[in-house]
C-alpha atoms as a PDB file:
ATOM      1  CA  THR A   1       0.000   0.000   0.000  1.00  0.00           C
ATOM      2  CA  GLU A   2       1.062   3.613  -0.354  1.00  0.00           C
ATOM      3  CA  ALA A   3       1.067   4.139   3.420  1.00  0.00           C
ATOM      4  CA  THR A   4       3.629   1.391   4.085  1.00  0.00           C
ATOM      5  CA  GLY A   5       5.500   1.461   0.783  1.00  0.00           C
ATOM      6  CA  ILE A   6       5.095  -2.317   0.571  1.00  0.00           C
ATOM      7  CA  SER A   7       3.624  -3.674  -2.637  1.00  0.00           C
ATOM      8  CA  THR A   8       1.450  -6.735  -2.776  1.00  0.00           C
ATOM      9  CA  PRO A   9       1.491  -8.207  -6.258  1.00  0.00           C
ATOM     10  CA  SER A  10      -1.891  -8.023  -7.959  1.00  0.00           C
ATOM     11  CA  SER A  11      -0.926 -10.649 -10.507  1.00  0.00           C
ATOM     12  CA  PRO A  12       0.167 -14.188  -9.636  1.00  0.00           C
ATOM     13  CA  SER A  13       2.907 -13.852 -12.269  1.00  0.00           C
ATOM     14  CA  LEU A  14       4.671 -11.289 -10.023  1.00  0.00           C
ATOM     15  CA  ALA A  15       5.312 -13.152  -6.816  1.00  0.00           C
ATOM     16  CA  ILE A  16       7.754 -14.293  -4.225  1.00  0.00           C
ATOM     17  CA  GLN A  17       7.449 -17.637  -2.526  1.00  0.00           C
ATOM     18  CA  LEU A  18       9.247 -19.081   0.499  1.00  0.00           C
ATOM     19  CA  ILE A  19       9.658 -22.836   0.680  1.00  0.00           C
ATOM     20  CA  PRO A  20       8.850 -24.107   3.254  1.00  0.00           C
ATOM     21  CA  SER A  21       6.644 -21.502   4.936  1.00  0.00           C
ATOM     22  CA  VAL A  22       7.219 -23.210   8.298  1.00  0.00           C
ATOM     23  CA  VAL A  23      10.897 -23.913   9.003  1.00  0.00           C
ATOM     24  CA  ASN A  24      13.066 -25.018  11.912  1.00  0.00           C
ATOM     25  CA  CYS A  25      15.577 -22.598  13.437  1.00  0.00           C
ATOM     26  CA  GLY A  26      18.715 -22.206  11.332  1.00  0.00           C
ATOM     27  CA  GLU A  27      17.527 -24.461   8.494  1.00  0.00           C
ATOM     28  CA  PRO A  28      17.636 -23.497   4.818  1.00  0.00           C
ATOM     29  CA  ILE A  29      14.678 -21.676   3.340  1.00  0.00           C
ATOM     30  CA  THR A  30      14.337 -21.128  -0.398  1.00  0.00           C
ATOM     31  CA  LEU A  31      13.208 -17.817  -1.890  1.00  0.00           C
ATOM     32  CA  LYS A  32      11.668 -18.278  -5.335  1.00  0.00           C
ATOM     33  CA  THR A  33      10.704 -15.384  -7.590  1.00  0.00           C
ATOM     34  CA  GLN A  34       9.043 -15.210 -10.969  1.00  0.00           C
ATOM     35  CA  ASN A  35       9.160 -12.467 -13.584  1.00  0.00           C
ATOM     36  CA  LEU A  36      11.092 -10.040 -11.390  1.00  0.00           C
ATOM     37  CA  ILE A  37      14.263  -8.214 -12.414  1.00  0.00           C
ATOM     38  CA  LEU A  38      16.500  -9.066  -9.469  1.00  0.00           C
ATOM     39  CA  ASP A  39      19.666  -7.186 -10.434  1.00  0.00           C
ATOM     40  CA  GLY A  40      20.508  -5.230  -7.291  1.00  0.00           C
ATOM     41  CA  ALA A  41      17.649  -6.730  -5.228  1.00  0.00           C
ATOM     42  CA  THR A  42      18.012  -7.210  -1.469  1.00  0.00           C
ATOM     43  CA  ALA A  43      16.335  -9.834   0.729  1.00  0.00           C
ATOM     44  CA  THR A  44      16.010  -8.872   4.389  1.00  0.00           C
ATOM     45  CA  ILE A  45      14.643 -11.066   7.178  1.00  0.00           C
ATOM     46  CA  PHE A  46      12.948  -9.344  10.132  1.00  0.00           C
ATOM     47  CA  ASP A  47      11.527 -10.734  13.362  1.00  0.00           C
ATOM     48  CA  ALA A  48       7.966  -9.920  14.500  1.00  0.00           C
ATOM     49  CA  GLN A  49       9.207  -6.796  16.335  1.00  0.00           C
ATOM     50  CA  GLY A  50      10.834  -5.422  13.170  1.00  0.00           C
ATOM     51  CA  LYS A  51      14.433  -6.176  14.134  1.00  0.00           C
ATOM     52  CA  MET A  52      16.596  -6.958  11.093  1.00  0.00           C
ATOM     53  CA  LEU A  53      18.051 -10.464  11.384  1.00  0.00           C
ATOM     54  CA  SER A  54      19.809 -10.830   8.020  1.00  0.00           C
ATOM     55  CA  ASN A  55      20.310  -8.981   4.770  1.00  0.00           C
ATOM     56  CA  VAL A  56      21.579 -10.515   1.495  1.00  0.00           C
ATOM     57  CA  SER A  57      21.817  -9.547  -2.162  1.00  0.00           C
ATOM     58  CA  VAL A  58      19.626 -11.589  -4.491  1.00  0.00           C
ATOM     59  CA  SER A  59      20.378 -12.123  -8.165  1.00  0.00           C
ATOM     60  CA  ASP A  60      18.835 -15.508  -9.030  1.00  0.00           C
ATOM     61  CA  GLU A  61      15.217 -16.628  -9.334  1.00  0.00           C
ATOM     62  CA  MET A  62      15.942 -19.153  -6.578  1.00  0.00           C
ATOM     63  CA  THR A  63      18.037 -18.209  -3.542  1.00  0.00           C
ATOM     64  CA  VAL A  64      18.672 -20.307  -0.433  1.00  0.00           C
ATOM     65  CA  LEU A  65      18.636 -18.342   2.833  1.00  0.00           C
ATOM     66  CA  LYS A  66      19.189 -19.439   6.432  1.00  0.00           C
ATOM     67  CA  ALA A  67      16.178 -19.264   8.737  1.00  0.00           C
ATOM     68  CA  PRO A  68      16.609 -17.198  11.912  1.00  0.00           C
ATOM     69  CA  ALA A  69      17.948 -18.883  15.061  1.00  0.00           C
ATOM     70  CA  GLN A  70      14.990 -17.644  17.116  1.00  0.00           C
ATOM     71  CA  LYS A  71      11.488 -19.145  17.071  1.00  0.00           C
ATOM     72  CA  GLY A  72       8.401 -17.177  16.083  1.00  0.00           C
ATOM     73  CA  LEU A  73       6.933 -15.209  13.215  1.00  0.00           C
ATOM     74  CA  ALA A  74       9.417 -13.759  10.736  1.00  0.00           C
ATOM     75  CA  MET A  75       9.101 -11.710   7.561  1.00  0.00           C
ATOM     76  CA  LEU A  76      11.185 -11.644   4.437  1.00  0.00           C
ATOM     77  CA  ALA A  77      11.188  -8.357   2.541  1.00  0.00           C
ATOM     78  CA  LEU A  78      12.465  -8.390  -1.029  1.00  0.00           C
ATOM     79  CA  GLN A  79      13.332  -4.917  -2.273  1.00  0.00           C
ATOM     80  CA  LEU A  80      14.031  -4.450  -5.949  1.00  0.00           C
ATOM     81  CA  LYS A  81      16.448  -1.870  -7.309  1.00  0.00           C
ATOM     82  CA  SER A  82      13.400   0.031  -8.616  1.00  0.00           C
ATOM     83  CA  GLY A  83      12.208   0.475  -5.000  1.00  0.00           C
ATOM     84  CA  LYS A  84       9.312  -2.018  -5.164  1.00  0.00           C
ATOM     85  CA  LYS A  85       8.961  -4.214  -2.077  1.00  0.00           C
ATOM     86  CA  PHE A  86       7.397  -7.624  -1.613  1.00  0.00           C
ATOM     87  CA  VAL A  87       6.894  -9.187   1.815  1.00  0.00           C
ATOM     88  CA  GLN A  88       6.294 -12.819   2.759  1.00  0.00           C
ATOM     89  CA  LYS A  89       5.662 -14.010   6.324  1.00  0.00           C
ATOM     90  CA  PHE A  90       6.930 -17.354   7.597  1.00  0.00           C
ATOM     91  CA  ILE A  91       7.094 -19.265  10.865  1.00  0.00           C
ATOM     92  CA  VAL A  92      10.272 -20.430  12.580  1.00  0.00           C
ATOM     93  CA  LYS A  93       9.705 -23.336  14.964  1.00  0.00           C
END
């Protein structure tokens, strides 16, 4: 929305997906994207309080990230070089 600056894709062809959406602490989690220009994109993982836990550059349609070491709700924000943001929530158990 305009208030948050976070875009939610209106078309299923513009999407990010985390696999799995429920993951154990410290295990790999895969970020998949489709039809996005990722040159210069950044993936940031936040905890439920908004604290940044990790930040990595993303250049491939499939990127493997490490789940946070703490349990609870987490969010992955993918920011494109153009400024567009996509957010996906996931659970760390």
